[in-house]
Amino acid sequence: MFSNSYFDLGMAKAWQFGFQIPASPVMEGIVNFHHDLFFFLVVIIGFVAYVLWRSIVLFNSDANKVPYVVTHAAALEIIWTILPAVILVLIAIPSFSLLYSMDEIVEPLLTIKVIGHQWYWSYEFVNPYYLYKDMLKLHGLSDLSKQFFSDDSGSVITYDSYMISNDDAVSREQRLLEVDNKLYLPVETNVRLLVTSADVIHSWAVPSLGVKIDACPGRLNQTSVFVKRPGIFYGQCSEICGVNHGFMPIVVFGLDLLGDGTSLDSIKTEGVSSLYFFFLKKKYD
C-alpha cells in the first residue's frame, strides 16, 4: 500500500540522535523551541568555559604572586543579576506561547476516548452521528451516514488495541511496536482525545505528534491532535504501569480522506472500524 519509507516516518531509528520527523504543529513547535533554547545553552556554556579558563590561567600563584582581593563590585553584581533575568524572559516568551497552544482545544470534528488497561489500549467513539455530523457533511457523506446511524442513534463504537506478538508479525512490521487495531485519524482535522485509565496510571504518548498525556484512573484528561500528513506514527506507554509496561504500543494511522492513493481493499484489511469505513466508502465506490 505504501513504500517502506512511508512506514519509517513515524518511528525511532536505530542509533537515532535527535527528534523524529514532526507530523503535527505541536511537535513542530517543540522542535523549534528546542533549537532556540539550544542557542542560549551553547552561548552560556561557552561563556562559563571561557571564564573558567581565564580563572585557571590568570589567577594562580605563578601568575599572581600577590592576590588581588575584590570586596565590592556593584556593577558586576548588577550585570550578573540582570543578564540572566533577561535571558529567562527571552526563553519564557516562546515557552509560554507553546504551552498555551498545546492546551488549546480547537473546535474538534472528532472526539475519541482513550482508555489504558494492563496492558493494552481501548478506543471509543461515542454517539458518532451527533459528534461527527459536521465531518460527514465536510466530506459529502451526510446521506451515506443514514445507512449506518439513525437520528436518535446512541451507539458506541469501541475496540481494543493489543500488541502483535513476534510470531504473528509480518516482515515489514516493527518488532514490539505493531498492534492488531490501529487508531485511524483523518489528516488536517482537529481531533480531541479524552484519556483515562481503567486500573493504574498509564501515559499515551506518540512522539511524532508531540502528544504525551497521562491516563489516570478516575480522571479524564484532555488534549488535541492535528495530524498534518498521512503516515503511520508509533508510540508507547510512557508511565511504568506493571510488568508488561513495555508491551502496550500505540499506532496512529493518518489517513488522507481526500486522496492518498489508498485502495478500499487495503484499508479493509487493516481492520478499520465501521466509523471510518463509511467515511471512506463513498470515495472508493
Protein backbone atom coordinates (compact mmCIF):
# COMPACT_ATOMS: atom_id res chain seq x y z
CA MET A 1 0.00 0.00 0.00
CA PHE A 2 2.83 2.39 0.82
CA SER A 3 6.57 2.30 0.33
CA ASN A 4 8.87 1.26 3.15
CA SER A 5 9.99 4.86 3.64
CA TYR A 6 6.37 5.79 4.31
CA PHE A 7 6.24 3.45 7.30
CA ASP A 8 9.54 4.73 8.69
CA LEU A 9 8.39 8.33 9.10
CA GLY A 10 6.75 7.98 12.49
CA MET A 11 9.15 5.82 14.47
CA ALA A 12 12.60 5.99 16.04
CA LYS A 13 15.56 4.73 14.01
CA ALA A 14 18.46 2.67 15.27
CA TRP A 15 21.07 4.94 16.89
CA GLN A 16 18.92 7.95 16.18
CA PHE A 17 20.20 11.24 17.59
CA GLY A 18 17.54 13.91 17.57
CA PHE A 19 13.81 14.19 17.14
CA GLN A 20 11.52 12.19 14.92
CA ILE A 21 10.11 13.96 11.88
CA PRO A 22 7.28 16.20 13.15
CA ALA A 23 3.78 15.33 11.94
CA SER A 24 1.76 17.95 13.84
CA PRO A 25 2.02 21.70 14.54
CA VAL A 26 2.64 21.00 18.23
CA MET A 27 5.63 18.79 17.50
CA GLU A 28 6.99 21.36 15.07
CA GLY A 29 6.72 23.95 17.85
CA ILE A 30 8.53 21.66 20.29
CA VAL A 31 11.39 21.09 17.84
CA ASN A 32 11.71 24.81 17.03
CA PHE A 33 11.67 25.74 20.71
CA HIS A 34 14.37 23.15 21.41
CA HIS A 35 16.58 24.68 18.71
CA ASP A 36 16.01 28.21 20.05
CA LEU A 37 16.79 27.07 23.59
CA PHE A 38 19.93 25.31 22.44
CA PHE A 39 21.31 28.62 21.14
CA PHE A 40 21.18 30.10 24.64
CA LEU A 41 22.65 26.92 26.14
CA VAL A 42 25.64 26.99 23.77
CA VAL A 43 26.29 30.68 24.46
CA ILE A 44 26.08 30.19 28.25
CA ILE A 45 28.30 27.09 28.21
CA GLY A 46 30.85 28.91 26.05
CA PHE A 47 30.90 31.96 28.35
CA VAL A 48 31.23 29.86 31.52
CA ALA A 49 34.01 27.79 29.95
CA TYR A 50 35.87 30.97 28.95
CA VAL A 51 35.59 32.48 32.44
CA LEU A 52 36.74 29.20 34.00
CA TRP A 53 39.72 29.03 31.65
CA ARG A 54 40.69 32.64 32.37
CA SER A 55 40.44 32.00 36.10
CA ILE A 56 42.69 28.94 35.90
CA VAL A 57 45.27 30.65 33.68
CA LEU A 58 45.45 34.09 35.30
CA PHE A 59 44.50 33.58 38.91
CA ASN A 60 47.15 31.23 40.25
CA SER A 61 50.25 31.58 42.37
CA ASP A 62 52.59 31.67 39.36
CA ALA A 63 50.76 34.46 37.50
CA ASN A 64 49.82 36.49 40.58
CA LYS A 65 52.28 36.41 43.45
CA VAL A 66 50.19 38.93 45.37
CA PRO A 67 46.48 38.08 45.11
CA TYR A 68 44.07 40.86 44.29
CA VAL A 69 41.12 40.90 46.66
CA VAL A 70 37.79 42.25 45.39
CA THR A 71 35.47 43.11 48.26
CA HIS A 72 32.74 45.04 46.43
CA ALA A 73 31.81 45.13 42.72
CA ALA A 74 28.37 46.70 42.44
CA ALA A 75 28.42 46.99 38.65
CA LEU A 76 29.42 43.34 38.25
CA GLU A 77 26.71 42.15 40.62
CA ILE A 78 24.07 44.18 38.76
CA ILE A 79 25.19 42.73 35.44
CA TRP A 80 25.17 39.09 36.58
CA THR A 81 21.71 39.59 38.07
CA ILE A 82 20.05 41.44 35.19
CA LEU A 83 21.59 39.45 32.33
CA PRO A 84 20.28 36.02 33.46
CA ALA A 85 16.87 37.58 34.12
CA VAL A 86 16.76 38.95 30.57
CA ILE A 87 17.75 35.54 29.18
CA LEU A 88 14.99 33.84 31.20
CA VAL A 89 12.42 36.31 29.86
CA LEU A 90 13.55 35.67 26.27
CA ILE A 91 13.19 31.93 26.88
CA ALA A 92 9.85 32.26 28.71
CA ILE A 93 8.05 34.10 25.88
CA PRO A 94 8.16 31.24 23.31
CA SER A 95 7.85 28.68 26.12
CA PHE A 96 4.53 30.04 27.40
CA SER A 97 3.30 30.51 23.85
CA LEU A 98 3.99 26.83 23.11
CA LEU A 99 2.42 25.64 26.38
CA TYR A 100 -0.80 27.57 25.78
CA SER A 101 -1.01 26.34 22.18
CA MET A 102 -0.65 22.75 23.41
CA ASP A 103 -3.55 23.21 25.84
CA GLU A 104 -5.79 24.95 23.34
CA ILE A 105 -8.70 22.83 22.15
CA VAL A 106 -9.90 23.99 18.74
CA GLU A 107 -13.49 23.05 17.83
CA PRO A 108 -13.00 19.32 17.19
CA LEU A 109 -14.56 17.36 14.36
CA LEU A 110 -13.68 14.10 16.09
CA THR A 111 -13.73 13.17 19.76
CA ILE A 112 -12.11 9.91 20.80
CA LYS A 113 -11.87 8.42 24.26
CA VAL A 114 -8.62 6.59 25.00
CA ILE A 115 -8.63 4.11 27.91
CA GLY A 116 -5.48 2.49 29.26
CA HIS A 117 -5.55 -1.05 30.62
CA GLN A 118 -2.99 -3.51 31.87
CA TRP A 119 -1.69 -3.93 29.21
CA TYR A 120 -3.50 -2.66 26.14
CA TRP A 121 -5.44 0.38 24.91
CA SER A 122 -9.13 0.82 24.18
CA TYR A 123 -10.62 3.44 21.86
CA GLU A 124 -14.23 4.65 22.00
CA PHE A 125 -16.22 6.70 19.50
CA VAL A 126 -19.34 7.77 21.38
CA ASN A 127 -22.59 8.60 19.51
CA PRO A 128 -20.91 9.06 16.12
CA TYR A 129 -23.94 10.53 14.35
CA TYR A 130 -24.15 13.64 16.53
CA LEU A 131 -20.45 14.09 17.23
CA TYR A 132 -19.28 13.65 13.64
CA LYS A 133 -22.14 15.03 11.56
CA ASP A 134 -20.04 18.09 10.71
CA MET A 135 -17.28 15.83 9.45
CA LEU A 136 -19.76 13.80 7.46
CA LYS A 137 -21.03 16.98 5.85
CA LEU A 138 -17.48 18.15 5.15
CA HIS A 139 -16.75 15.00 3.16
CA GLY A 140 -20.14 14.86 1.48
CA LEU A 141 -21.30 11.82 3.41
CA SER A 142 -24.42 13.18 5.11
CA ASP A 143 -26.76 10.94 3.09
CA LEU A 144 -24.50 7.94 3.42
CA SER A 145 -24.44 8.24 7.23
CA LYS A 146 -28.18 7.45 7.38
CA GLN A 147 -27.34 3.92 6.27
CA PHE A 148 -25.39 3.42 9.48
CA PHE A 149 -26.97 5.71 12.10
CA SER A 150 -30.48 6.92 12.75
CA ASP A 151 -31.20 10.40 14.08
CA ASP A 152 -31.67 9.00 17.57
CA SER A 153 -28.65 6.73 17.37
CA GLY A 154 -26.84 6.39 20.66
CA SER A 155 -24.40 3.72 19.57
CA VAL A 156 -20.82 3.49 20.74
CA ILE A 157 -18.04 2.22 18.50
CA THR A 158 -15.32 0.71 20.67
CA TYR A 159 -12.40 -1.63 20.08
CA ASP A 160 -9.23 -2.78 21.84
CA SER A 161 -5.68 -2.44 20.58
CA TYR A 162 -3.22 -5.19 21.56
CA MET A 163 0.41 -5.61 20.63
CA ILE A 164 1.08 -8.16 17.90
CA SER A 165 3.45 -10.91 19.00
CA ASN A 166 6.59 -11.64 17.01
CA ASP A 167 5.10 -14.92 15.79
CA ASP A 168 2.13 -13.12 14.23
CA ALA A 169 4.02 -10.15 12.81
CA VAL A 170 4.86 -9.97 9.11
CA SER A 171 8.26 -8.98 7.81
CA ARG A 172 7.53 -5.28 7.28
CA GLU A 173 6.15 -4.73 10.77
CA GLN A 174 8.18 -3.31 13.61
CA ARG A 175 9.12 -5.57 16.50
CA LEU A 176 7.14 -4.86 19.70
CA LEU A 177 5.54 -1.79 18.10
CA GLU A 178 2.73 -3.19 15.94
CA VAL A 179 -0.86 -3.61 17.13
CA ASP A 180 -3.83 -5.55 15.81
CA ASN A 181 -6.16 -2.49 15.70
CA LYS A 182 -4.63 0.87 14.92
CA LEU A 183 -6.14 4.25 15.78
CA TYR A 184 -7.18 5.77 12.44
CA LEU A 185 -7.23 9.57 12.30
CA PRO A 186 -8.01 11.79 9.30
CA VAL A 187 -5.28 14.26 8.41
CA GLU A 188 -5.78 18.02 8.69
CA THR A 189 -8.63 17.52 11.13
CA ASN A 190 -8.93 18.76 14.71
CA VAL A 191 -9.25 15.69 16.93
CA ARG A 192 -9.97 15.80 20.64
CA LEU A 193 -8.66 12.98 22.83
CA LEU A 194 -10.16 12.19 26.22
CA VAL A 195 -7.68 10.00 28.07
CA THR A 196 -8.30 7.92 31.19
CA SER A 197 -7.38 4.57 32.74
CA ALA A 198 -9.30 1.55 33.97
CA ASP A 199 -6.72 0.38 36.52
CA VAL A 200 -3.35 2.10 37.11
CA ILE A 201 -1.65 5.19 35.70
CA HIS A 202 -0.61 4.90 32.06
CA SER A 203 0.63 7.51 29.59
CA TRP A 204 -0.49 7.79 25.96
CA ALA A 205 2.48 9.11 24.00
CA VAL A 206 3.21 9.46 20.28
CA PRO A 207 6.48 11.41 19.74
CA SER A 208 5.89 12.30 16.07
CA LEU A 209 2.61 14.00 17.00
CA GLY A 210 4.00 15.76 20.08
CA VAL A 211 1.48 14.03 22.37
CA LYS A 212 2.21 12.68 25.84
CA ILE A 213 -0.70 12.67 28.29
CA ASP A 214 -1.26 10.69 31.46
CA ALA A 215 -4.12 8.21 31.72
CA CYS A 216 -5.19 8.33 35.36
CA PRO A 217 -7.93 6.15 36.89
CA GLY A 218 -10.94 8.23 37.89
CA ARG A 219 -9.73 11.27 35.96
CA LEU A 220 -10.40 12.44 32.41
CA ASN A 221 -7.50 14.28 30.78
CA GLN A 222 -7.98 16.15 27.52
CA THR A 223 -5.70 17.03 24.64
CA SER A 224 -5.95 17.69 20.92
CA VAL A 225 -4.20 16.29 17.86
CA PHE A 226 -3.88 17.73 14.37
CA VAL A 227 -2.15 15.30 12.00
CA LYS A 228 -0.57 17.25 9.14
CA ARG A 229 0.32 14.41 6.76
CA PRO A 230 -0.59 10.79 6.06
CA GLY A 231 1.57 8.21 7.73
CA ILE A 232 1.93 5.63 10.45
CA PHE A 233 3.10 7.00 13.78
CA TYR A 234 4.32 4.76 16.58
CA GLY A 235 4.22 5.40 20.31
CA GLN A 236 4.33 3.56 23.60
CA CYS A 237 3.02 3.79 27.14
CA SER A 238 5.34 6.24 28.90
CA GLU A 239 4.38 5.63 32.53
CA ILE A 240 5.56 2.48 34.32
CA CYS A 241 2.33 0.52 34.80
CA GLY A 242 3.40 -3.00 35.67
CA VAL A 243 5.28 -5.99 34.41
CA ASN A 244 4.10 -5.65 30.79
CA HIS A 245 4.53 -1.89 30.63
CA GLY A 246 6.87 -2.21 27.64
CA PHE A 247 4.36 -4.26 25.66
CA MET A 248 1.45 -1.88 25.08
CA PRO A 249 2.43 0.14 21.99
CA ILE A 250 0.37 2.78 20.21
CA VAL A 251 -0.05 3.03 16.46
CA VAL A 252 -1.78 6.03 14.87
CA PHE A 253 -2.61 5.77 11.17
CA GLY A 254 -3.03 9.16 9.49
CA LEU A 255 -5.42 8.83 6.55
CA ASP A 256 -5.89 11.38 3.80
CA LEU A 257 -9.61 11.07 3.11
CA LEU A 258 -9.33 13.35 0.08
CA GLY A 259 -6.82 11.26 -1.86
CA ASP A 260 -3.72 9.42 -0.69
CA GLY A 261 -3.79 6.59 -3.22
CA THR A 262 -5.06 4.10 -0.70
CA SER A 263 -7.39 1.42 -2.02
CA LEU A 264 -10.51 0.43 -0.13
CA ASP A 265 -9.48 -3.24 -0.10
CA SER A 266 -6.13 -2.45 1.53
CA ILE A 267 -7.82 -0.29 4.15
CA LYS A 268 -10.33 -3.02 4.95
CA THR A 269 -7.51 -5.46 5.60
CA GLU A 270 -6.13 -3.05 8.19
CA GLY A 271 -9.27 -3.56 10.27
CA VAL A 272 -10.72 -0.07 10.09
CA SER A 273 -13.71 0.39 12.38
CA SER A 274 -17.13 0.91 10.84
CA LEU A 275 -16.87 4.64 11.57
CA TYR A 276 -14.01 5.12 9.12
CA PHE A 277 -15.40 2.56 6.74
CA PHE A 278 -18.38 4.72 5.88
CA PHE A 279 -16.18 7.83 5.74
CA LEU A 280 -14.18 6.14 3.01
CA LYS A 281 -16.89 4.08 1.34
CA LYS A 282 -18.29 6.82 -0.90
CA LYS A 283 -14.87 7.91 -2.05
CA TYR A 284 -13.89 4.46 -3.35
CA ASP A 285 -17.30 3.28 -4.64
